[in-house]
Amino acid sequence: MEYRLRELARRDIAAINGWRADRELISCLGAPYRFINQEVDEAWFDAYMRSRQTCVRCAIVGEEDEILGLVTLAGIDHLRQSATLHIMIGSSKNRGRGMGTFAVLSMLRHAFYDLNLHRVELSVLATNEAAIGLYEKCGFSREGTRRQACYKQGKFVDMYEYGILRGEEREPS
């Protein structure tokens, strides 16, 4: 399947709201599970539209332009030339198909060669082996551990800190 990125649109909110209600998906992410209604997600989208100078949110879409995932550069700091990467693939049936690799590498190219950033960083649950493999395959280096930094499903979990500098990204073989 062919994938592409496009800027997040208001029509994507319903799908994202459904993903946020998926406990299995949220259990893989650093964010806590919480009940989020459509109105909250609409306010989240409106806040994004007001902060586009420091944030890039892209829908990962398939051939029918349907949203399959979300990839974000947040906290863009033009002085430090850095940002934080976030990614979420909505449905479990779409994971493990190369979509994450495509989205991460596409967003890194955008960060380094369109936005002139020098560094992109991220945090990942130490238990999320699939995401760790993705990030390392794309060229991210593990820079540290925040011990027991996240509370997930009744226990504290370590968070790994990863970073990548311009020129370190690599296409997987």
C-alpha atoms as a PDB file:
ATOM      1  CA  MET A   1       0.000   0.000   0.000  1.00  0.00           C
ATOM      2  CA  GLU A   2       1.156   3.530  -0.753  1.00  0.00           C
ATOM      3  CA  TYR A   3       1.162   6.036   2.099  1.00  0.00           C
ATOM      4  CA  ARG A   4       1.504   9.790   2.181  1.00  0.00           C
ATOM      5  CA  LEU A   5       1.376  12.583   4.723  1.00  0.00           C
ATOM      6  CA  ARG A   6      -1.000  15.523   4.670  1.00  0.00           C
ATOM      7  CA  GLU A   7      -1.713  18.154   7.272  1.00  0.00           C
ATOM      8  CA  LEU A   8      -4.266  17.098   9.836  1.00  0.00           C
ATOM      9  CA  ALA A   9      -7.780  18.254   8.931  1.00  0.00           C
ATOM     10  CA  ARG A  10     -10.925  18.797  10.977  1.00  0.00           C
ATOM     11  CA  ARG A  11     -12.505  15.771   9.250  1.00  0.00           C
ATOM     12  CA  ASP A  12      -9.863  13.549  10.963  1.00  0.00           C
ATOM     13  CA  ILE A  13     -11.035  14.368  14.487  1.00  0.00           C
ATOM     14  CA  ALA A  14     -13.661  11.597  14.705  1.00  0.00           C
ATOM     15  CA  ALA A  15     -11.091   8.894  13.860  1.00  0.00           C
ATOM     16  CA  ILE A  16      -8.536  10.292  16.307  1.00  0.00           C
ATOM     17  CA  ASN A  17     -11.187  10.499  19.010  1.00  0.00           C
ATOM     18  CA  GLY A  18     -11.934   6.800  18.428  1.00  0.00           C
ATOM     19  CA  TRP A  19      -8.250   5.907  18.741  1.00  0.00           C
ATOM     20  CA  ARG A  20      -7.998   7.781  22.029  1.00  0.00           C
ATOM     21  CA  ALA A  21     -10.764   5.514  23.369  1.00  0.00           C
ATOM     22  CA  ASP A  22      -8.758   2.375  22.455  1.00  0.00           C
ATOM     23  CA  ARG A  23      -7.167   1.196  25.722  1.00  0.00           C
ATOM     24  CA  GLU A  24      -4.840  -1.221  23.906  1.00  0.00           C
ATOM     25  CA  LEU A  25      -3.457   1.563  21.703  1.00  0.00           C
ATOM     26  CA  ILE A  26      -3.075   4.030  24.584  1.00  0.00           C
ATOM     27  CA  SER A  27      -1.304   1.353  26.658  1.00  0.00           C
ATOM     28  CA  CYS A  28       1.586   1.578  24.144  1.00  0.00           C
ATOM     29  CA  LEU A  29       1.929   5.352  24.464  1.00  0.00           C
ATOM     30  CA  GLY A  30       3.329   7.597  27.175  1.00  0.00           C
ATOM     31  CA  ALA A  31       0.033   9.429  27.577  1.00  0.00           C
ATOM     32  CA  PRO A  32      -2.421   8.192  30.205  1.00  0.00           C
ATOM     33  CA  TYR A  33      -5.751   6.693  29.206  1.00  0.00           C
ATOM     34  CA  ARG A  34      -8.546   9.164  29.773  1.00  0.00           C
ATOM     35  CA  PHE A  35     -12.052   9.662  28.528  1.00  0.00           C
ATOM     36  CA  ILE A  36     -11.984  12.297  25.785  1.00  0.00           C
ATOM     37  CA  ASN A  37     -15.133  13.436  24.024  1.00  0.00           C
ATOM     38  CA  GLN A  38     -15.345  14.863  20.517  1.00  0.00           C
ATOM     39  CA  GLU A  39     -15.629  18.422  21.839  1.00  0.00           C
ATOM     40  CA  VAL A  40     -12.284  18.105  23.652  1.00  0.00           C
ATOM     41  CA  ASP A  41     -10.638  16.833  20.467  1.00  0.00           C
ATOM     42  CA  GLU A  42     -12.162  19.692  18.483  1.00  0.00           C
ATOM     43  CA  ALA A  43     -10.636  22.159  20.989  1.00  0.00           C
ATOM     44  CA  TRP A  44      -7.315  20.273  20.656  1.00  0.00           C
ATOM     45  CA  PHE A  45      -7.499  20.711  16.871  1.00  0.00           C
ATOM     46  CA  ASP A  46      -8.341  24.411  17.221  1.00  0.00           C
ATOM     47  CA  ALA A  47      -5.337  24.867  19.542  1.00  0.00           C
ATOM     48  CA  TYR A  48      -3.147  23.171  16.928  1.00  0.00           C
ATOM     49  CA  MET A  49      -4.379  25.551  14.228  1.00  0.00           C
ATOM     50  CA  ARG A  50      -3.311  28.476  16.435  1.00  0.00           C
ATOM     51  CA  SER A  51       0.159  26.980  17.104  1.00  0.00           C
ATOM     52  CA  ARG A  52       1.302  25.892  13.649  1.00  0.00           C
ATOM     53  CA  GLN A  53       4.562  27.839  13.997  1.00  0.00           C
ATOM     54  CA  THR A  54       5.695  25.427  16.733  1.00  0.00           C
ATOM     55  CA  CYS A  55       3.861  22.256  15.737  1.00  0.00           C
ATOM     56  CA  VAL A  56       3.330  20.182  12.591  1.00  0.00           C
ATOM     57  CA  ARG A  57       0.580  17.524  12.748  1.00  0.00           C
ATOM     58  CA  CYS A  58       0.214  15.227   9.771  1.00  0.00           C
ATOM     59  CA  ALA A  59      -2.304  12.524   9.035  1.00  0.00           C
ATOM     60  CA  ILE A  60      -0.793   9.346   7.634  1.00  0.00           C
ATOM     61  CA  VAL A  61      -3.175   8.424   4.856  1.00  0.00           C
ATOM     62  CA  GLY A  62      -3.687   5.600   2.418  1.00  0.00           C
ATOM     63  CA  GLU A  63      -4.801   5.588  -1.189  1.00  0.00           C
ATOM     64  CA  GLU A  64      -8.361   6.687  -0.320  1.00  0.00           C
ATOM     65  CA  ASP A  65      -7.088   9.649   1.772  1.00  0.00           C
ATOM     66  CA  GLU A  66      -8.450   7.986   4.925  1.00  0.00           C
ATOM     67  CA  ILE A  67      -6.494   8.732   8.105  1.00  0.00           C
ATOM     68  CA  LEU A  68      -4.573   5.689   9.341  1.00  0.00           C
ATOM     69  CA  GLY A  69      -2.233   7.358  11.808  1.00  0.00           C
ATOM     70  CA  LEU A  70      -0.908  10.617  13.135  1.00  0.00           C
ATOM     71  CA  VAL A  71       2.691  11.878  13.182  1.00  0.00           C
ATOM     72  CA  THR A  72       3.671  15.126  14.872  1.00  0.00           C
ATOM     73  CA  LEU A  73       6.625  17.436  15.342  1.00  0.00           C
ATOM     74  CA  ALA A  74       5.796  19.295  18.556  1.00  0.00           C
ATOM     75  CA  GLY A  75       7.602  21.945  20.526  1.00  0.00           C
ATOM     76  CA  ILE A  76       9.489  23.203  17.491  1.00  0.00           C
ATOM     77  CA  ASP A  77      12.213  25.498  18.812  1.00  0.00           C
ATOM     78  CA  HIS A  78      13.822  27.466  16.000  1.00  0.00           C
ATOM     79  CA  LEU A  79      16.589  28.834  18.233  1.00  0.00           C
ATOM     80  CA  ARG A  80      17.720  25.380  19.394  1.00  0.00           C
ATOM     81  CA  GLN A  81      16.668  23.923  15.984  1.00  0.00           C
ATOM     82  CA  SER A  82      14.897  21.017  17.680  1.00  0.00           C
ATOM     83  CA  ALA A  83      11.507  19.371  18.040  1.00  0.00           C
ATOM     84  CA  THR A  84       9.835  16.355  19.625  1.00  0.00           C
ATOM     85  CA  LEU A  85       8.388  13.545  17.492  1.00  0.00           C
ATOM     86  CA  HIS A  86       5.148  11.700  18.290  1.00  0.00           C
ATOM     87  CA  ILE A  87       3.476   8.966  16.249  1.00  0.00           C
ATOM     88  CA  MET A  88       0.300   6.930  16.620  1.00  0.00           C
ATOM     89  CA  ILE A  89      -0.970   4.259  14.224  1.00  0.00           C
ATOM     90  CA  GLY A  90      -4.715   3.985  14.767  1.00  0.00           C
ATOM     91  CA  SER A  91      -5.740   0.409  14.071  1.00  0.00           C
ATOM     92  CA  SER A  92      -3.731  -2.637  15.116  1.00  0.00           C
ATOM     93  CA  LYS A  93      -4.344  -4.118  11.642  1.00  0.00           C
ATOM     94  CA  ASN A  94      -2.250  -1.288  10.164  1.00  0.00           C
ATOM     95  CA  ARG A  95       0.752  -1.810  12.445  1.00  0.00           C
ATOM     96  CA  GLY A  96       3.777  -3.740  11.205  1.00  0.00           C
ATOM     97  CA  ARG A  97       3.163  -2.794   7.550  1.00  0.00           C
ATOM     98  CA  GLY A  98       5.844  -0.142   7.074  1.00  0.00           C
ATOM     99  CA  MET A  99       3.544   2.791   7.727  1.00  0.00           C
ATOM    100  CA  GLY A 100       5.445   3.904  10.829  1.00  0.00           C
ATOM    101  CA  THR A 101       8.794   3.758   9.036  1.00  0.00           C
ATOM    102  CA  PHE A 102       7.401   5.791   6.156  1.00  0.00           C
ATOM    103  CA  ALA A 103       5.888   8.389   8.493  1.00  0.00           C
ATOM    104  CA  VAL A 104       8.934   8.772  10.747  1.00  0.00           C
ATOM    105  CA  LEU A 105      11.382   9.091   7.856  1.00  0.00           C
ATOM    106  CA  SER A 106       9.074  11.503   6.010  1.00  0.00           C
ATOM    107  CA  MET A 107       8.710  13.692   9.074  1.00  0.00           C
ATOM    108  CA  LEU A 108      12.465  13.616   9.711  1.00  0.00           C
ATOM    109  CA  ARG A 109      13.102  14.774   6.133  1.00  0.00           C
ATOM    110  CA  HIS A 110      10.587  17.576   6.674  1.00  0.00           C
ATOM    111  CA  ALA A 111      12.187  18.536  10.008  1.00  0.00           C
ATOM    112  CA  PHE A 112      15.767  18.561   8.731  1.00  0.00           C
ATOM    113  CA  TYR A 113      15.457  19.726   5.135  1.00  0.00           C
ATOM    114  CA  ASP A 114      12.333  21.923   5.100  1.00  0.00           C
ATOM    115  CA  LEU A 115      12.293  23.360   8.633  1.00  0.00           C
ATOM    116  CA  ASN A 116      16.110  23.472   9.029  1.00  0.00           C
ATOM    117  CA  LEU A 117      16.030  21.652  12.367  1.00  0.00           C
ATOM    118  CA  HIS A 118      19.162  19.994  13.694  1.00  0.00           C
ATOM    119  CA  ARG A 119      17.738  17.607  16.298  1.00  0.00           C
ATOM    120  CA  VAL A 120      14.570  15.574  16.803  1.00  0.00           C
ATOM    121  CA  GLU A 121      13.920  13.763  20.059  1.00  0.00           C
ATOM    122  CA  LEU A 122      11.273  11.467  21.485  1.00  0.00           C
ATOM    123  CA  SER A 123      10.279   9.441  24.534  1.00  0.00           C
ATOM    124  CA  VAL A 124       9.067   5.854  24.328  1.00  0.00           C
ATOM    125  CA  LEU A 125       7.847   3.329  26.881  1.00  0.00           C
ATOM    126  CA  ALA A 126      10.587   0.809  27.626  1.00  0.00           C
ATOM    127  CA  THR A 127       7.956  -1.904  27.103  1.00  0.00           C
ATOM    128  CA  ASN A 128       7.085  -0.782  23.546  1.00  0.00           C
ATOM    129  CA  GLU A 129       9.531  -3.006  21.665  1.00  0.00           C
ATOM    130  CA  ALA A 130       7.920  -2.417  18.264  1.00  0.00           C
ATOM    131  CA  ALA A 131       8.322   1.357  18.533  1.00  0.00           C
ATOM    132  CA  ILE A 132      11.882   1.051  19.838  1.00  0.00           C
ATOM    133  CA  GLY A 133      12.762  -1.131  16.844  1.00  0.00           C
ATOM    134  CA  LEU A 134      11.194   1.404  14.481  1.00  0.00           C
ATOM    135  CA  TYR A 135      13.085   4.350  15.959  1.00  0.00           C
ATOM    136  CA  GLU A 136      16.430   2.547  15.964  1.00  0.00           C
ATOM    137  CA  LYS A 137      15.879   1.345  12.377  1.00  0.00           C
ATOM    138  CA  CYS A 138      15.329   4.962  11.324  1.00  0.00           C
ATOM    139  CA  GLY A 139      18.581   6.101  12.998  1.00  0.00           C
ATOM    140  CA  PHE A 140      17.546   7.319  16.457  1.00  0.00           C
ATOM    141  CA  SER A 141      20.047   6.736  19.288  1.00  0.00           C
ATOM    142  CA  ARG A 142      19.033   5.920  22.825  1.00  0.00           C
ATOM    143  CA  GLU A 143      20.287   8.734  25.012  1.00  0.00           C
ATOM    144  CA  GLY A 144      18.982   7.806  28.426  1.00  0.00           C
ATOM    145  CA  THR A 145      16.320   6.345  30.678  1.00  0.00           C
ATOM    146  CA  ARG A 146      13.805   8.098  32.866  1.00  0.00           C
ATOM    147  CA  ARG A 147      13.221   5.444  35.501  1.00  0.00           C
ATOM    148  CA  GLN A 148       9.610   4.634  36.416  1.00  0.00           C
ATOM    149  CA  ALA A 149       8.511   7.843  34.695  1.00  0.00           C
ATOM    150  CA  CYS A 150       5.146   6.669  33.408  1.00  0.00           C
ATOM    151  CA  TYR A 151       2.216   5.006  35.161  1.00  0.00           C
ATOM    152  CA  LYS A 152       0.586   2.426  32.877  1.00  0.00           C
ATOM    153  CA  GLN A 153      -2.012  -0.156  33.787  1.00  0.00           C
ATOM    154  CA  GLY A 154      -1.315  -0.108  37.511  1.00  0.00           C
ATOM    155  CA  LYS A 155       2.491   0.026  37.503  1.00  0.00           C
ATOM    156  CA  PHE A 156       5.339   2.407  36.809  1.00  0.00           C
ATOM    157  CA  VAL A 157       7.300   1.913  33.583  1.00  0.00           C
ATOM    158  CA  ASP A 158      10.634   3.345  32.433  1.00  0.00           C
ATOM    159  CA  MET A 159      10.716   5.793  29.538  1.00  0.00           C
ATOM    160  CA  TYR A 160      13.604   5.721  27.096  1.00  0.00           C
ATOM    161  CA  GLU A 161      14.822   8.976  25.620  1.00  0.00           C
ATOM    162  CA  TYR A 162      15.917   8.916  21.968  1.00  0.00           C
ATOM    163  CA  GLY A 163      17.412  11.560  19.716  1.00  0.00           C
ATOM    164  CA  ILE A 164      18.584  11.949  16.146  1.00  0.00           C
ATOM    165  CA  LEU A 165      20.648  14.663  14.478  1.00  0.00           C
ATOM    166  CA  ARG A 166      20.408  15.827  10.888  1.00  0.00           C
ATOM    167  CA  GLY A 167      22.301  13.381   8.685  1.00  0.00           C
ATOM    168  CA  GLU A 168      21.865  10.399  11.013  1.00  0.00           C
ATOM    169  CA  GLU A 169      18.513   9.288   9.588  1.00  0.00           C
ATOM    170  CA  ARG A 170      18.717   6.151   7.483  1.00  0.00           C
ATOM    171  CA  GLU A 171      16.495   4.331   5.084  1.00  0.00           C
ATOM    172  CA  PRO A 172      15.917   0.768   6.292  1.00  0.00           C
ATOM    173  CA  SER A 173      17.386  -1.992   4.131  1.00  0.00           C
END
